[in-house]
Protein backbone atom coordinates (compact mmCIF):
# COMPACT_ATOMS: atom_id res chain seq x y z
CA UNK A 1 0.00 0.00 0.00
CA UNK A 2 2.87 2.40 0.83
CA UNK A 3 4.41 1.89 -2.61
CA UNK A 4 1.13 2.53 -4.41
CA UNK A 5 0.45 5.71 -2.44
CA UNK A 6 3.78 7.30 -3.29
CA UNK A 7 3.44 6.32 -6.93
CA UNK A 8 0.16 8.22 -6.99
CA UNK A 9 1.92 11.13 -5.26
CA UNK A 10 4.65 11.06 -7.87
CA UNK A 11 2.22 11.33 -10.74
CA UNK A 12 0.39 14.15 -9.00
CA UNK A 13 3.62 16.09 -8.40
CA UNK A 14 4.59 15.73 -12.03
CA UNK A 15 1.29 17.26 -13.06
CA UNK A 16 1.70 20.11 -10.58
CA UNK A 17 5.31 20.89 -11.46
CA UNK A 18 4.81 20.89 -15.21
CA UNK A 19 2.49 23.59 -16.55
CA UNK A 20 -0.50 22.11 -18.35
CA UNK A 21 0.23 21.31 -21.98
CA UNK A 22 -2.02 22.43 -24.77
CA UNK A 23 -5.45 20.86 -24.63
CA UNK A 24 -6.52 21.85 -28.16
CA UNK A 25 -3.89 20.26 -30.42
CA UNK A 26 -5.08 18.81 -33.73
CA UNK A 27 -3.47 16.10 -35.87
CA UNK A 28 -4.67 15.66 -39.46
CA UNK A 29 -3.80 12.30 -40.96
CA UNK A 30 -3.07 11.56 -44.60
CA UNK A 31 -6.39 9.70 -44.95
CA UNK A 32 -8.31 12.83 -43.96
CA UNK A 33 -9.07 11.78 -40.37
CA UNK A 34 -8.67 14.51 -37.76
CA UNK A 35 -7.76 13.83 -34.14
CA UNK A 36 -7.94 16.42 -31.36
CA UNK A 37 -6.43 16.25 -27.90
CA UNK A 38 -3.18 17.09 -26.16
CA UNK A 39 0.20 16.29 -27.70
CA UNK A 40 2.29 15.00 -24.80
CA UNK A 41 5.34 13.97 -26.85
CA UNK A 42 6.73 14.98 -30.22
CA UNK A 43 9.34 12.45 -31.33
CA UNK A 44 11.36 12.35 -34.55
CA UNK A 45 9.18 9.56 -35.96
CA UNK A 46 5.86 9.95 -34.14
CA UNK A 47 3.70 12.11 -31.88
CA UNK A 48 1.80 10.93 -28.83
CA UNK A 49 -1.70 12.37 -28.54
CA UNK A 50 -3.64 12.22 -25.29
CA UNK A 51 -7.38 12.09 -25.90
CA UNK A 52 -10.30 12.18 -23.46
CA UNK A 53 -13.47 10.30 -24.33
CA UNK A 54 -16.44 9.89 -21.96
CA UNK A 55 -14.23 10.66 -18.98
CA UNK A 56 -11.57 8.14 -19.99
CA UNK A 57 -8.10 9.39 -20.97
CA UNK A 58 -6.06 7.30 -23.38
CA UNK A 59 -3.02 7.87 -25.56
CA UNK A 60 -2.39 7.18 -29.20
CA UNK A 61 1.00 7.09 -30.90
CA UNK A 62 0.74 8.32 -34.48
CA UNK A 63 3.66 7.74 -36.88
CA UNK A 64 4.68 10.94 -38.65
CA UNK A 65 4.53 9.09 -41.95
CA UNK A 66 0.73 9.03 -41.45
CA UNK A 67 0.46 12.73 -40.51
CA UNK A 68 -0.45 15.43 -43.03
CA UNK A 69 -0.35 18.38 -40.61
CA UNK A 70 -0.21 19.30 -36.93
CA UNK A 71 -1.86 22.31 -35.38
CA UNK A 72 -0.98 23.19 -31.82
CA UNK A 73 -3.03 25.26 -29.46
CA UNK A 74 0.28 26.68 -28.25
CA UNK A 75 3.51 26.37 -30.22
CA UNK A 76 6.31 24.21 -28.78
CA UNK A 77 9.39 26.38 -28.45
CA UNK A 78 12.81 26.16 -26.88
CA UNK A 79 14.70 23.13 -25.56
CA UNK A 80 12.96 20.06 -24.17
CA UNK A 81 13.11 18.70 -20.64
CA UNK A 82 12.05 15.52 -18.86
CA UNK A 83 11.21 15.07 -15.19
CA UNK A 84 12.47 12.16 -13.06
CA UNK A 85 10.98 11.47 -9.60
CA UNK A 86 13.48 10.93 -6.77
CA UNK A 87 11.07 10.30 -3.92
CA UNK A 88 10.87 7.88 -1.02
CA UNK A 89 13.85 6.02 0.39
CA UNK A 90 17.13 5.69 -1.48
CA UNK A 91 17.77 1.98 -1.81
CA UNK A 92 14.16 0.86 -2.02
CA UNK A 93 12.00 3.52 -3.70
CA UNK A 94 14.94 5.28 -5.37
CA UNK A 95 17.15 2.82 -7.24
CA UNK A 96 19.90 2.93 -9.83
CA UNK A 97 17.73 0.83 -12.15
CA UNK A 98 14.89 3.35 -11.92
CA UNK A 99 17.08 6.44 -12.44
CA UNK A 100 18.81 4.79 -15.39
CA UNK A 101 15.43 3.87 -16.90
CA UNK A 102 14.43 7.53 -16.64
CA UNK A 103 17.62 8.77 -18.28
CA UNK A 104 17.24 6.19 -21.06
CA UNK A 105 13.71 7.38 -21.84
CA UNK A 106 14.78 11.02 -21.62
CA UNK A 107 17.50 10.34 -24.18
CA UNK A 108 14.99 8.55 -26.42
CA UNK A 109 12.72 11.59 -26.16
CA UNK A 110 15.65 13.83 -27.23
CA UNK A 111 15.44 15.83 -24.01
CA UNK A 112 17.97 18.62 -23.65
CA UNK A 113 17.65 18.66 -19.87
CA UNK A 114 16.65 16.16 -17.19
CA UNK A 115 15.13 17.57 -13.99
CA UNK A 116 15.35 15.34 -10.92
CA UNK A 117 12.44 16.20 -8.63
CA UNK A 118 13.91 15.32 -5.22
CA UNK A 119 11.79 14.65 -2.15
CA UNK A 120 13.47 12.02 0.00
CA UNK A 121 14.35 11.60 3.67
CA UNK A 122 17.45 9.54 2.93
CA UNK A 123 18.31 5.87 2.94
CA UNK A 124 21.48 4.70 1.29
CA UNK A 125 23.25 1.39 1.48
CA UNK A 126 25.06 0.05 -1.60
CA UNK A 127 22.31 1.45 -3.83
CA UNK A 128 23.40 5.07 -3.32
CA UNK A 129 26.82 4.35 -4.85
CA UNK A 130 25.08 2.75 -7.85
CA UNK A 131 22.77 5.76 -8.23
CA UNK A 132 25.77 8.09 -8.26
CA UNK A 133 27.41 5.91 -10.94
CA UNK A 134 24.27 6.32 -13.06
CA UNK A 135 24.40 10.08 -12.51
CA UNK A 136 28.02 10.16 -13.65
CA UNK A 137 27.30 8.08 -16.74
CA UNK A 138 24.50 10.41 -17.91
CA UNK A 139 26.07 13.83 -17.47
CA UNK A 140 25.47 14.60 -21.15
CA UNK A 141 21.78 15.07 -20.30
CA UNK A 142 22.72 17.97 -18.00
CA UNK A 143 20.79 16.78 -14.92
CA UNK A 144 19.21 19.51 -12.83
CA UNK A 145 18.21 19.01 -9.18
CA UNK A 146 14.89 20.51 -8.12
CA UNK A 147 14.84 20.05 -4.35
CA UNK A 148 11.77 19.78 -2.16
CA UNK A 149 13.47 17.67 0.53
CA UNK A 150 16.95 16.17 0.27
CA UNK A 151 18.17 14.47 3.43
CA UNK A 152 21.58 12.72 3.57
CA UNK A 153 21.48 10.16 0.73
CA UNK A 154 18.92 12.36 -1.05
CA UNK A 155 21.30 15.30 -0.65
CA UNK A 156 23.99 13.21 -2.34
CA UNK A 157 21.74 12.77 -5.39
CA UNK A 158 21.07 16.52 -5.45
CA UNK A 159 24.76 17.39 -5.09
CA UNK A 160 25.60 15.11 -8.03
CA UNK A 161 23.73 17.57 -10.29
CA UNK A 162 25.79 20.50 -11.65
CA UNK A 163 22.74 22.78 -11.37
CA UNK A 164 20.61 22.82 -8.25
CA UNK A 165 17.40 24.75 -7.59
CA UNK A 166 15.30 24.77 -4.46
CA UNK A 167 11.55 24.92 -4.07
CA UNK A 168 10.67 28.01 -2.04
CA UNK A 169 10.00 25.75 0.97
CA UNK A 170 12.74 23.26 0.07
CA UNK A 171 15.33 21.89 2.50
CA UNK A 172 18.69 20.12 2.33
CA UNK A 173 19.69 18.49 5.62
CA UNK A 174 21.36 15.67 7.48
CA UNK A 175 18.95 12.78 7.89
CA UNK A 176 16.50 13.09 10.80
CA UNK A 177 16.78 9.34 11.30
CA UNK A 178 19.78 7.02 11.33
CA UNK A 179 21.26 6.41 7.90
CA UNK A 180 21.82 2.94 6.51
CA UNK A 181 25.43 4.04 5.98
CA UNK A 182 28.21 4.67 8.47
CA UNK A 183 29.32 8.29 8.82
CA UNK A 184 32.57 7.63 6.96
CA UNK A 185 30.86 5.73 4.12
CA UNK A 186 28.24 8.46 3.73
CA UNK A 187 30.96 11.13 3.76
CA UNK A 188 32.85 9.32 0.97
CA UNK A 189 29.74 9.09 -1.19
CA UNK A 190 28.82 12.72 -0.49
CA UNK A 191 32.31 13.79 -1.59
CA UNK A 192 31.91 11.76 -4.78
CA UNK A 193 28.58 13.48 -5.36
CA UNK A 194 30.13 16.92 -4.83
CA UNK A 195 32.83 16.13 -7.38
CA UNK A 196 30.22 14.98 -9.89
CA UNK A 197 28.20 18.16 -9.46
CA UNK A 198 31.18 20.48 -9.09
CA UNK A 199 30.18 21.59 -5.57
CA UNK A 200 32.34 22.30 -2.54
CA UNK A 201 33.45 19.27 -0.49
CA UNK A 202 32.38 21.27 2.56
CA UNK A 203 28.83 20.17 1.83
CA UNK A 204 29.92 16.55 2.25
CA UNK A 205 31.56 17.38 5.56
CA UNK A 206 28.60 19.41 6.78
CA UNK A 207 26.14 16.60 6.05
CA UNK A 208 28.22 13.88 7.73
CA UNK A 209 30.03 15.71 10.56
CA UNK A 210 28.05 17.70 13.11
CA UNK A 211 31.22 19.34 14.51
CA UNK A 212 31.87 21.46 11.41
CA UNK A 213 30.81 25.12 11.59
CA UNK A 214 30.07 26.86 8.29
CA UNK A 215 29.39 30.36 7.02
CA UNK A 216 27.87 31.77 3.85
CA UNK A 217 30.56 34.13 2.62
CA UNK A 218 31.76 35.89 -0.50
CA UNK A 219 35.13 35.36 -2.11
CA UNK A 220 36.23 37.26 -5.22
CA UNK A 221 32.68 38.48 -5.64
CA UNK A 222 31.30 34.93 -5.66
CA UNK A 223 28.94 33.39 -3.09
CA UNK A 224 30.67 30.54 -1.32
CA UNK A 225 30.31 28.12 1.57
CA UNK A 226 33.22 28.64 3.97
CA UNK A 227 34.55 27.23 7.21
CA UNK A 228 33.47 29.66 9.90
CA UNK A 229 37.00 29.76 11.32
CA UNK A 230 38.35 31.09 8.01
CA UNK A 231 35.52 33.52 7.22
CA UNK A 232 35.91 37.21 8.12
CA UNK A 233 32.24 37.94 7.54
CA UNK A 234 28.98 36.33 6.49
CA UNK A 235 26.05 34.57 8.12
CA UNK A 236 26.36 31.28 10.00
CA UNK A 237 24.85 28.44 7.99
CA UNK A 238 25.67 25.62 10.39
CA UNK A 239 26.71 25.83 14.02
CA UNK A 240 29.14 23.41 15.61
CA UNK A 241 27.40 20.43 17.17
CA UNK A 242 24.22 20.96 15.17
CA UNK A 243 23.07 18.94 12.12
CA UNK A 244 23.07 20.75 8.80
CA UNK A 245 19.70 22.12 7.69
CA UNK A 246 19.49 24.77 4.98
CA UNK A 247 16.48 26.23 3.23
CA UNK A 248 16.14 27.99 -0.09
CA UNK A 249 17.58 31.29 1.14
CA UNK A 250 20.64 29.70 2.79
CA UNK A 251 21.31 27.45 -0.20
CA UNK A 252 21.20 30.46 -2.50
CA UNK A 253 23.39 32.53 -0.12
CA UNK A 254 26.13 29.91 -0.39
CA UNK A 255 25.90 29.61 -4.16
CA UNK A 256 24.70 26.01 -3.98
CA UNK A 257 21.22 26.84 -5.26
CA UNK A 258 21.04 29.08 -8.30
CA UNK A 259 17.54 30.27 -7.41
CA UNK A 260 14.23 29.29 -5.85
CA UNK A 261 11.49 28.03 -8.16
CA UNK A 262 8.12 26.35 -7.87
CA UNK A 263 7.37 25.16 -11.40
CA UNK A 264 9.14 24.50 -14.67
CA UNK A 265 8.36 27.97 -16.07
CA UNK A 266 10.15 29.73 -13.20
CA UNK A 267 12.86 27.07 -13.28
CA UNK A 268 13.47 27.72 -16.98
CA UNK A 269 13.70 31.45 -16.37
CA UNK A 270 16.13 30.94 -13.49
CA UNK A 271 18.21 28.59 -15.63
CA UNK A 272 18.31 31.20 -18.38
CA UNK A 273 17.12 28.94 -21.19
CA UNK A 274 14.07 31.04 -21.91
CA UNK A 275 10.94 29.22 -23.06
CA UNK A 276 11.21 25.44 -22.96
CA UNK A 277 8.82 22.53 -23.13
CA UNK A 278 8.25 19.05 -21.77
CA UNK A 279 9.40 16.17 -23.95
CA UNK A 280 6.68 14.01 -22.40
CA UNK A 281 6.32 11.92 -19.27
CA UNK A 282 7.77 8.61 -20.45
CA UNK A 283 10.92 9.20 -18.40
CA UNK A 284 8.87 9.91 -15.27
CA UNK A 285 6.72 6.83 -15.86
CA UNK A 286 9.79 4.66 -16.48
CA UNK A 287 11.18 5.53 -13.04
CA UNK A 288 7.85 4.76 -11.38
CA UNK A 289 7.55 1.48 -13.28
CA UNK A 290 11.06 0.40 -12.22
CA UNK A 291 10.24 1.25 -8.61
CA UNK A 292 6.99 -0.72 -8.83
CA UNK A 293 8.88 -3.74 -10.21
CA UNK A 294 11.37 -3.43 -7.38
CA UNK A 295 8.54 -3.26 -4.87
CA UNK A 296 6.87 -6.33 -6.36
CA UNK A 297 10.16 -8.23 -6.33
CA UNK A 298 10.85 -7.23 -2.72
CA UNK A 299 7.30 -8.17 -1.77
CA UNK A 300 7.67 -11.57 -3.44
CA UNK A 301 11.05 -12.09 -1.77
CA UNK A 302 9.62 -11.04 1.58
CA UNK A 303 6.66 -13.39 1.12
CA UNK A 304 9.06 -16.17 0.16
CA UNK A 305 11.20 -15.55 3.25
CA UNK A 306 8.12 -15.42 5.45
CA UNK A 307 6.79 -18.65 3.98
CA UNK A 308 10.18 -20.30 4.43
CA UNK A 309 10.17 -19.16 8.07
CA UNK A 310 6.63 -20.47 8.54
CA UNK A 311 7.61 -23.80 6.92
CA UNK A 312 10.65 -24.09 9.20
CA UNK A 313 8.47 -23.43 12.23
CA UNK A 314 6.05 -26.07 10.99
CA UNK A 315 8.87 -28.61 10.73
CA UNK A 316 9.84 -27.89 14.33
CA UNK A 317 6.17 -28.01 15.33
CA UNK A 318 5.80 -31.41 13.64
CA UNK A 319 8.80 -32.68 15.64
CA UNK A 320 7.24 -31.40 18.84
CA UNK A 321 3.93 -33.04 18.05
CA UNK A 322 5.75 -36.30 17.22
CA UNK A 323 7.54 -36.10 20.59
CA UNK A 324 4.23 -35.51 22.36
CA UNK A 325 2.67 -38.49 20.54
CA UNK A 326 5.65 -40.75 21.31
CA UNK A 327 5.61 -39.66 24.95
CA UNK A 328 1.87 -40.41 25.23
CA UNK A 329 2.40 -43.89 23.74
CA UNK A 330 5.37 -44.59 26.04
CA UNK A 331 3.41 -43.38 29.09
CA UNK A 332 0.49 -45.63 28.10
CA UNK A 333 2.72 -48.69 27.70
CA UNK A 334 4.53 -47.97 30.97
CA UNK A 335 1.19 -47.63 32.75
CA UNK A 336 0.02 -50.97 31.36
CA UNK A 337 3.25 -52.66 32.45
CA UNK A 338 3.02 -51.15 35.94
CA UNK A 339 -0.61 -52.21 36.30
CA UNK A 340 0.20 -55.72 35.08
CA UNK A 341 3.08 -56.19 37.53
CA UNK A 342 1.04 -54.65 40.35
CA UNK A 343 -1.83 -57.04 39.57
CA UNK A 344 0.62 -59.98 39.65
CA UNK A 345 1.81 -58.93 43.11
CA UNK A 346 -1.81 -58.72 44.30
CA UNK A 347 -2.56 -62.15 42.79
CA UNK A 348 0.40 -63.72 44.65
CA UNK A 349 -0.87 -62.11 47.83
CA UNK A 350 -4.37 -63.56 47.35
CA UNK A 351 -2.98 -67.05 46.62
CA UNK A 352 -0.94 -66.91 49.82
CA UNK A 353 -4.03 -66.06 51.82
CA UNK A 354 -6.04 -68.86 50.18
CA UNK A 355 -3.38 -71.43 50.98
CA UNK A 356 -3.18 -70.22 54.61
CA UNK A 357 -6.93 -70.28 55.11
CA UNK A 358 -7.82 -72.40 58.14
CA UNK A 359 -4.23 -72.44 59.35
CA UNK A 360 -3.89 -71.72 63.05
CA UNK A 361 -1.19 -69.16 62.22
CA UNK A 362 -3.31 -67.43 59.56
CA UNK A 363 -3.08 -64.06 61.24
CA UNK A 364 0.70 -64.23 61.34
CA UNK A 365 0.91 -65.46 57.76
CA UNK A 366 -1.44 -62.66 56.60
CA UNK A 367 0.62 -60.00 58.38
CA UNK A 368 3.80 -61.34 56.76
CA UNK A 369 2.07 -61.45 53.32
CA UNK A 370 0.83 -57.86 53.72
CA UNK A 371 4.35 -56.68 54.52
CA UNK A 372 5.80 -58.49 51.51
CA UNK A 373 3.06 -57.14 49.25
CA UNK A 374 3.69 -53.55 50.38
CA UNK A 375 7.46 -53.92 49.90
CA UNK A 376 6.99 -55.27 46.37
CA UNK A 377 4.51 -52.52 45.44
CA UNK A 378 6.91 -49.86 46.80
CA UNK A 379 9.81 -51.32 44.85
CA UNK A 380 7.59 -51.39 41.76
CA UNK A 381 6.66 -47.71 42.25
CA UNK A 382 10.30 -46.76 42.79
CA UNK A 383 11.16 -48.40 39.50
CA UNK A 384 8.32 -46.94 37.42
CA UNK A 385 7.78 -43.46 38.87
CA UNK A 386 11.12 -41.97 37.63
CA UNK A 387 10.35 -43.26 34.14
CA UNK A 388 6.90 -41.69 34.30
CA UNK A 389 8.42 -38.38 35.49
CA UNK A 390 10.95 -38.29 32.64
CA UNK A 391 8.31 -39.00 30.03
CA UNK A 392 5.92 -36.42 31.51
CA UNK A 393 8.68 -33.79 31.57
CA UNK A 394 9.58 -34.51 27.94
CA UNK A 395 5.94 -34.21 26.96
CA UNK A 396 5.40 -30.93 28.85
CA UNK A 397 8.53 -29.33 27.35
CA UNK A 398 7.45 -30.39 23.85
CA UNK A 399 3.92 -29.06 24.46
CA UNK A 400 5.22 -25.66 25.66
CA UNK A 401 7.61 -25.41 22.71
CA UNK A 402 4.79 -26.35 20.33
CA UNK A 403 2.62 -23.56 21.76
CA UNK A 404 5.46 -21.04 21.26
CA UNK A 405 6.01 -22.20 17.69
CA UNK A 406 2.30 -21.98 16.89
CA UNK A 407 2.23 -18.39 18.24
CA UNK A 408 5.25 -17.43 16.11
CA UNK A 409 3.54 -18.93 13.07
CA UNK A 410 0.42 -16.89 13.79
CA UNK A 411 2.43 -13.67 14.15
CA UNK A 412 4.26 -14.28 10.86
CA UNK A 413 1.01 -14.99 9.06
CA UNK A 414 -0.59 -11.85 10.54
CA UNK A 415 2.37 -9.65 9.51
CA UNK A 416 2.26 -11.04 5.98
CA UNK A 417 -1.46 -10.22 5.78
CA UNK A 418 -0.88 -6.68 7.10
CA UNK A 419 1.86 -5.98 4.53
CA UNK A 420 -0.40 -7.09 1.70
């Protein structure tokens, strides 16, 4: 459910960030047919037309060899851009496979720029290094970071972009929760990101070391992030002992952010490219699709691990039940043996009394027989009772363990149901 909700969020953000495309575009085909809708992609060999019919929106790809003319409600001018969502947790929601899929589609759409829409509270692990490799391998697409939230690992993705812009309420900060990476490992990856994006290594230190104190200063007329100890003036950006947290104004004061923006129109103006247009949302969708596949794979793997754990518990439970059954059978046999031997002792006692009947010393003989009978029964009990105790203890331990295993099975089954 969590994965589906953020996928819906991602689509919604894409629609908010990108100004609405023309809704009155017309495509006239060679056979005289005319189609009206919204052109969402104009490729070298085809256009993609989005059409609404009876409340249902669908898309149609029309080869340019079949097109006689195209009339747009608004002309497409300037360079093209594609949006890529970087949202969720780096390592699960944000993956190298997904980012690469987005870059691949952006290249296929002949995008001049790729805008990474960043809203993540961190994460990391081995996946962050792979994401940074993807960023380095696609620098020709001139990736631009548009930051809503970029914590720790998310900040590394933002810093890997040569151009960085902040939303007016955007934030770059150390992670509010523990990172999946050690401080030294995160620092190394942050430094790699800074080198990729051409940003000061001080950002890597500030995000991974709370003891650094930084100032927004000016050197040779250029805004710059500086160690507070070396700065002669400027405003404190990060105090010693405090985690880094900078907003749009601070990021711009240090020269990290080129400007604040809230949509692609203002972003294009800040970038200085003038009018530009979306190359379509295939890149955005490719990232979401890769993340969905990852989620499905992880869900299947998790289900498989849970089922394996349940099966293992069942094997142990079967052993416990077998022990209980064997103990019950052994106790039953032991009881039968005890009763049989006890009955034999009683039978000998009765025969002794029958033989002594009428004897003048009957009372003495009976007293002696009673004593012998009691001694034999006591010896019999001393022989059988320890065996009974051992079997009962084995059964009780197996029964308690079986109850624990059954409860663990129930908890695993309940957690699997909740995650679905």
